[in-house]
Amino acid sequence: MEAIIARIVANPSRSACILATRGDDVAGMLWCSVGEHHIGRDILLTTIHNLNVQKSLRASLAGGKVTLGLLKRAEAWSRAKGAREMLFHVTSGVETARTERIMRKMGYEAMGGNYVEHV
């Protein structure tokens, strides 16, 4: 978390850390940045690097609300920055079916895949 915050502080106009709270507790966190696509110019994209929801909430309605709230806030931030797309890379391999359902319900389309080789 400290490394993420350091990156945001180093370039605050291009990065955001969005927190969802329940009372005094952090229920979720989303870290994103905006920039040009690596093979294009003049088109800004937002990349969601990290989205976490408190483990005790993940399989509940509250967890869905936290996720939805974080993503909606990231969309608003992206529009304000002039981004035309948001990319969300799911690389954890945890709860992928549930993640895919919520992303499709929100209008996201699958693009590519994630692969790992253990070395």
C-alpha atoms as a PDB file:
ATOM      1  CA  MET A   1       0.000   0.000   0.000  1.00  0.00           C
ATOM      2  CA  GLU A   2       2.839   2.406   0.812  1.00  0.00           C
ATOM      3  CA  ALA A   3       4.468   1.787  -2.596  1.00  0.00           C
ATOM      4  CA  ILE A   4       1.168   2.517  -4.337  1.00  0.00           C
ATOM      5  CA  ILE A   5       0.717   5.733  -2.381  1.00  0.00           C
ATOM      6  CA  ALA A   6       4.295   6.776  -3.228  1.00  0.00           C
ATOM      7  CA  ARG A   7       3.554   6.356  -6.964  1.00  0.00           C
ATOM      8  CA  ILE A   8       0.396   8.430  -6.678  1.00  0.00           C
ATOM      9  CA  VAL A   9       2.157  11.183  -4.755  1.00  0.00           C
ATOM     10  CA  ALA A  10       4.941  11.241  -7.365  1.00  0.00           C
ATOM     11  CA  ASN A  11       2.446  11.851 -10.196  1.00  0.00           C
ATOM     12  CA  PRO A  12      -0.882  13.009  -8.729  1.00  0.00           C
ATOM     13  CA  SER A  13      -2.292  14.353 -11.995  1.00  0.00           C
ATOM     14  CA  ARG A  14      -2.128  10.877 -13.570  1.00  0.00           C
ATOM     15  CA  SER A  15      -2.978   8.557 -10.647  1.00  0.00           C
ATOM     16  CA  ALA A  16      -5.796   8.089  -8.170  1.00  0.00           C
ATOM     17  CA  CYS A  17      -6.369   5.999  -5.084  1.00  0.00           C
ATOM     18  CA  ILE A  18     -10.066   5.693  -4.326  1.00  0.00           C
ATOM     19  CA  LEU A  19     -11.141   4.385  -0.934  1.00  0.00           C
ATOM     20  CA  ALA A  20     -14.513   3.015   0.126  1.00  0.00           C
ATOM     21  CA  THR A  21     -15.239   3.200   3.825  1.00  0.00           C
ATOM     22  CA  ARG A  22     -17.807   1.735   6.180  1.00  0.00           C
ATOM     23  CA  GLY A  23     -17.727   3.782   9.326  1.00  0.00           C
ATOM     24  CA  ASP A  24     -14.076   4.116  10.291  1.00  0.00           C
ATOM     25  CA  ASP A  25     -12.970   1.019   8.345  1.00  0.00           C
ATOM     26  CA  VAL A  26     -11.593   0.891   4.811  1.00  0.00           C
ATOM     27  CA  ALA A  27     -13.896  -1.535   2.975  1.00  0.00           C
ATOM     28  CA  GLY A  28     -12.212  -1.302  -0.399  1.00  0.00           C
ATOM     29  CA  MET A  29      -9.529   0.395  -2.447  1.00  0.00           C
ATOM     30  CA  LEU A  30      -8.968   1.048  -6.142  1.00  0.00           C
ATOM     31  CA  TRP A  31      -5.733   2.326  -7.674  1.00  0.00           C
ATOM     32  CA  CYS A  32      -5.767   3.577 -11.252  1.00  0.00           C
ATOM     33  CA  SER A  33      -3.772   5.765 -13.592  1.00  0.00           C
ATOM     34  CA  VAL A  34      -4.432   7.507 -16.870  1.00  0.00           C
ATOM     35  CA  GLY A  35      -2.071   7.687 -19.832  1.00  0.00           C
ATOM     36  CA  GLU A  36      -1.613   6.994 -23.506  1.00  0.00           C
ATOM     37  CA  HIS A  37      -1.791   3.466 -24.846  1.00  0.00           C
ATOM     38  CA  HIS A  38       1.668   2.033 -25.443  1.00  0.00           C
ATOM     39  CA  ILE A  39       1.055   1.667 -29.196  1.00  0.00           C
ATOM     40  CA  GLY A  40      -0.986   4.814 -29.817  1.00  0.00           C
ATOM     41  CA  ARG A  41      -0.967   8.526 -29.258  1.00  0.00           C
ATOM     42  CA  ASP A  42      -3.481  11.153 -28.235  1.00  0.00           C
ATOM     43  CA  ILE A  43      -5.930   8.623 -26.802  1.00  0.00           C
ATOM     44  CA  LEU A  44      -6.027   8.484 -23.014  1.00  0.00           C
ATOM     45  CA  LEU A  45      -6.894   5.239 -21.267  1.00  0.00           C
ATOM     46  CA  THR A  46      -7.376   4.517 -17.603  1.00  0.00           C
ATOM     47  CA  THR A  47      -5.777   1.372 -16.247  1.00  0.00           C
ATOM     48  CA  ILE A  48      -7.097  -0.089 -13.022  1.00  0.00           C
ATOM     49  CA  HIS A  49      -4.018  -1.590 -11.420  1.00  0.00           C
ATOM     50  CA  ASN A  50      -5.573  -2.809  -8.224  1.00  0.00           C
ATOM     51  CA  LEU A  51      -9.065  -3.250  -6.807  1.00  0.00           C
ATOM     52  CA  ASN A  52      -9.456  -4.820  -3.394  1.00  0.00           C
ATOM     53  CA  VAL A  53     -12.521  -5.360  -1.251  1.00  0.00           C
ATOM     54  CA  GLN A  54     -12.293  -6.340   2.405  1.00  0.00           C
ATOM     55  CA  LYS A  55     -12.249 -10.152   2.469  1.00  0.00           C
ATOM     56  CA  SER A  56     -15.179 -10.444   4.877  1.00  0.00           C
ATOM     57  CA  LEU A  57     -17.376  -8.463   2.437  1.00  0.00           C
ATOM     58  CA  ARG A  58     -16.404 -10.009  -0.906  1.00  0.00           C
ATOM     59  CA  ALA A  59     -19.176 -12.621  -1.217  1.00  0.00           C
ATOM     60  CA  SER A  60     -21.886 -10.326   0.161  1.00  0.00           C
ATOM     61  CA  LEU A  61     -24.230  -7.684  -1.191  1.00  0.00           C
ATOM     62  CA  ALA A  62     -22.125  -5.096   0.673  1.00  0.00           C
ATOM     63  CA  GLY A  63     -19.030  -6.295  -1.185  1.00  0.00           C
ATOM     64  CA  GLY A  64     -20.822  -5.837  -4.500  1.00  0.00           C
ATOM     65  CA  LYS A  65     -21.838  -2.327  -3.492  1.00  0.00           C
ATOM     66  CA  VAL A  66     -18.250  -1.493  -2.536  1.00  0.00           C
ATOM     67  CA  THR A  67     -16.965  -2.814  -5.880  1.00  0.00           C
ATOM     68  CA  LEU A  68     -19.641  -0.969  -7.842  1.00  0.00           C
ATOM     69  CA  GLY A  69     -18.984   2.264  -5.969  1.00  0.00           C
ATOM     70  CA  LEU A  70     -15.232   2.069  -6.554  1.00  0.00           C
ATOM     71  CA  LEU A  71     -15.644   1.366 -10.270  1.00  0.00           C
ATOM     72  CA  LYS A  72     -18.243   4.124 -10.740  1.00  0.00           C
ATOM     73  CA  ARG A  73     -15.966   6.621  -8.999  1.00  0.00           C
ATOM     74  CA  ALA A  74     -13.059   5.500 -11.207  1.00  0.00           C
ATOM     75  CA  GLU A  75     -15.260   6.020 -14.277  1.00  0.00           C
ATOM     76  CA  ALA A  76     -16.106   9.561 -13.160  1.00  0.00           C
ATOM     77  CA  TRP A  77     -12.415  10.305 -12.498  1.00  0.00           C
ATOM     78  CA  SER A  78     -11.522   8.879 -15.924  1.00  0.00           C
ATOM     79  CA  ARG A  79     -14.078  11.045 -17.712  1.00  0.00           C
ATOM     80  CA  ALA A  80     -12.760  14.103 -15.882  1.00  0.00           C
ATOM     81  CA  LYS A  81      -9.236  13.251 -17.090  1.00  0.00           C
ATOM     82  CA  GLY A  82     -10.418  12.808 -20.692  1.00  0.00           C
ATOM     83  CA  ALA A  83      -9.927   9.045 -20.881  1.00  0.00           C
ATOM     84  CA  ARG A  84     -11.885   7.189 -23.545  1.00  0.00           C
ATOM     85  CA  GLU A  85     -11.625   3.673 -22.104  1.00  0.00           C
ATOM     86  CA  MET A  86     -10.972   1.919 -18.811  1.00  0.00           C
ATOM     87  CA  LEU A  87      -8.912  -1.257 -18.700  1.00  0.00           C
ATOM     88  CA  PHE A  88      -9.203  -3.603 -15.738  1.00  0.00           C
ATOM     89  CA  HIS A  89      -6.582  -6.348 -15.655  1.00  0.00           C
ATOM     90  CA  VAL A  90      -7.653  -9.228 -13.427  1.00  0.00           C
ATOM     91  CA  THR A  91      -4.504 -11.176 -12.624  1.00  0.00           C
ATOM     92  CA  SER A  92      -5.127 -12.526  -9.139  1.00  0.00           C
ATOM     93  CA  GLY A  93      -6.924 -15.715 -10.201  1.00  0.00           C
ATOM     94  CA  VAL A  94      -9.204 -15.276  -7.178  1.00  0.00           C
ATOM     95  CA  GLU A  95     -12.991 -15.337  -7.618  1.00  0.00           C
ATOM     96  CA  THR A  96     -12.641 -14.881 -11.382  1.00  0.00           C
ATOM     97  CA  ALA A  97     -16.165 -16.110 -12.203  1.00  0.00           C
ATOM     98  CA  ARG A  98     -17.726 -13.610  -9.789  1.00  0.00           C
ATOM     99  CA  THR A  99     -15.466 -10.845 -11.100  1.00  0.00           C
ATOM    100  CA  GLU A 100     -16.452 -11.627 -14.682  1.00  0.00           C
ATOM    101  CA  ARG A 101     -20.174 -11.549 -13.825  1.00  0.00           C
ATOM    102  CA  ILE A 102     -19.999  -8.129 -12.191  1.00  0.00           C
ATOM    103  CA  MET A 103     -17.809  -6.683 -14.948  1.00  0.00           C
ATOM    104  CA  ARG A 104     -20.178  -7.906 -17.683  1.00  0.00           C
ATOM    105  CA  LYS A 105     -23.185  -6.515 -15.772  1.00  0.00           C
ATOM    106  CA  MET A 106     -21.426  -3.150 -15.701  1.00  0.00           C
ATOM    107  CA  GLY A 107     -20.879  -3.235 -19.474  1.00  0.00           C
ATOM    108  CA  TYR A 108     -17.229  -4.278 -19.605  1.00  0.00           C
ATOM    109  CA  GLU A 109     -16.161  -6.610 -22.408  1.00  0.00           C
ATOM    110  CA  ALA A 110     -13.564  -9.361 -22.112  1.00  0.00           C
ATOM    111  CA  MET A 111     -10.369  -8.529 -23.969  1.00  0.00           C
ATOM    112  CA  GLY A 112      -7.407 -10.886 -24.134  1.00  0.00           C
ATOM    113  CA  GLY A 113      -6.403 -13.168 -21.297  1.00  0.00           C
ATOM    114  CA  ASN A 114      -3.988 -13.576 -18.424  1.00  0.00           C
ATOM    115  CA  TYR A 115      -1.328 -16.268 -18.378  1.00  0.00           C
ATOM    116  CA  VAL A 116       1.249 -17.289 -15.815  1.00  0.00           C
ATOM    117  CA  GLU A 117       4.264 -19.568 -15.807  1.00  0.00           C
ATOM    118  CA  HIS A 118       5.777 -20.483 -12.470  1.00  0.00           C
ATOM    119  CA  VAL A 119       9.569 -20.335 -12.676  1.00  0.00           C
END
